[in-house]
Protein backbone atom coordinates (compact mmCIF):
# COMPACT_ATOMS: atom_id res chain seq x y z
CA MET A 1 23.80 -18.72 44.33
CA ARG A 2 25.31 -17.36 47.56
CA ILE A 3 28.70 -18.79 46.82
CA ASN A 4 28.88 -16.94 43.38
CA VAL A 5 28.06 -13.61 45.10
CA LEU A 6 30.74 -14.28 47.69
CA ILE A 7 33.24 -15.07 45.16
CA LEU A 8 32.35 -12.01 43.19
CA SER A 9 32.52 -9.75 46.14
CA CYS A 10 35.91 -11.14 47.06
CA LEU A 11 37.29 -10.63 43.78
CA VAL A 12 36.00 -6.86 43.81
CA LEU A 13 37.51 -6.37 47.10
CA LEU A 14 40.96 -7.66 45.84
CA ALA A 15 40.81 -5.64 42.52
CA THR A 16 39.71 -2.27 44.16
CA PRO A 17 43.21 -1.31 45.60
CA ALA A 18 44.83 -2.06 42.24
CA LEU A 19 42.33 0.05 40.27
CA SER A 20 42.34 3.15 42.85
CA GLY A 21 45.94 4.15 42.30
CA ALA A 22 46.46 7.52 40.60
CA ASP A 23 48.33 7.96 37.41
CA LYS A 24 52.04 7.74 38.25
CA ARG A 25 53.17 9.92 35.51
CA THR A 26 51.01 12.91 36.87
CA LYS A 27 51.01 12.13 40.55
CA ASP A 28 53.60 14.85 41.59
CA LYS A 29 53.38 17.34 39.00
CA SER A 30 51.34 20.61 39.09
CA PHE A 31 48.28 21.21 36.96
CA ALA A 32 50.39 23.50 34.56
CA GLU A 33 52.85 20.64 33.82
CA VAL A 34 50.12 17.91 33.27
CA LYS A 35 48.27 20.26 31.05
CA GLU A 36 51.49 20.96 28.86
CA MET A 37 52.26 17.27 28.84
CA LYS A 38 48.73 16.55 27.44
CA LEU A 39 48.97 19.40 24.78
CA MET A 40 52.15 17.92 23.59
CA TYR A 41 50.66 14.49 23.27
CA LEU A 42 47.81 16.06 21.28
CA LYS A 43 50.24 17.87 18.92
CA ARG A 44 52.24 14.78 18.36
CA MET A 45 49.03 12.81 17.43
CA THR A 46 47.77 15.68 15.18
CA ALA A 47 50.98 15.85 13.40
CA CYS A 48 50.94 12.11 12.65
CA VAL A 49 47.38 12.30 11.47
CA VAL A 50 48.13 14.92 9.19
CA LYS A 51 51.13 13.46 7.58
CA ALA A 52 49.24 9.93 7.07
CA SER A 53 48.09 9.13 3.70
CA SER A 54 46.11 5.92 4.50
CA PHE A 55 44.09 4.23 7.04
CA GLU A 56 46.93 1.92 7.93
CA GLU A 57 49.37 4.97 8.49
CA MET A 58 46.56 6.53 10.70
CA LYS A 59 46.09 3.46 12.85
CA ASN A 60 50.09 3.27 13.55
CA CYS A 61 49.65 7.00 15.19
CA ARG A 62 47.92 5.21 18.01
CA PRO A 63 50.15 4.11 20.68
CA LYS A 64 50.34 0.43 21.29
CA ARG A 65 48.90 -0.98 24.44
CA ARG A 66 50.79 -3.68 26.32
CA SER A 67 49.14 -6.48 28.20
CA ILE A 68 49.24 -6.53 32.01
CA GLY A 69 52.44 -8.33 33.13
CA LYS A 70 54.49 -8.02 30.11
CA LYS A 71 57.52 -6.01 29.89
CA PRO A 72 57.68 -3.21 27.38
CA GLU A 73 59.77 -3.90 24.19
CA ALA A 74 63.10 -2.11 23.88
């Protein structure tokens, strides 16, 4: 039991620095710039949902998530 707790605590300590990083897109921007960026994202999503005529088209409005370690498709 102690070994499991030790392994779990080591994994948590190793993963903490990776999870604590700030969002790289908004790191060096002011509040007004970040706010404008997020509003533009919402406007694009709203426009996509408005023109969708089925659930499949609406699902395509959502951005695709990529797995960790994979490069984005060009």
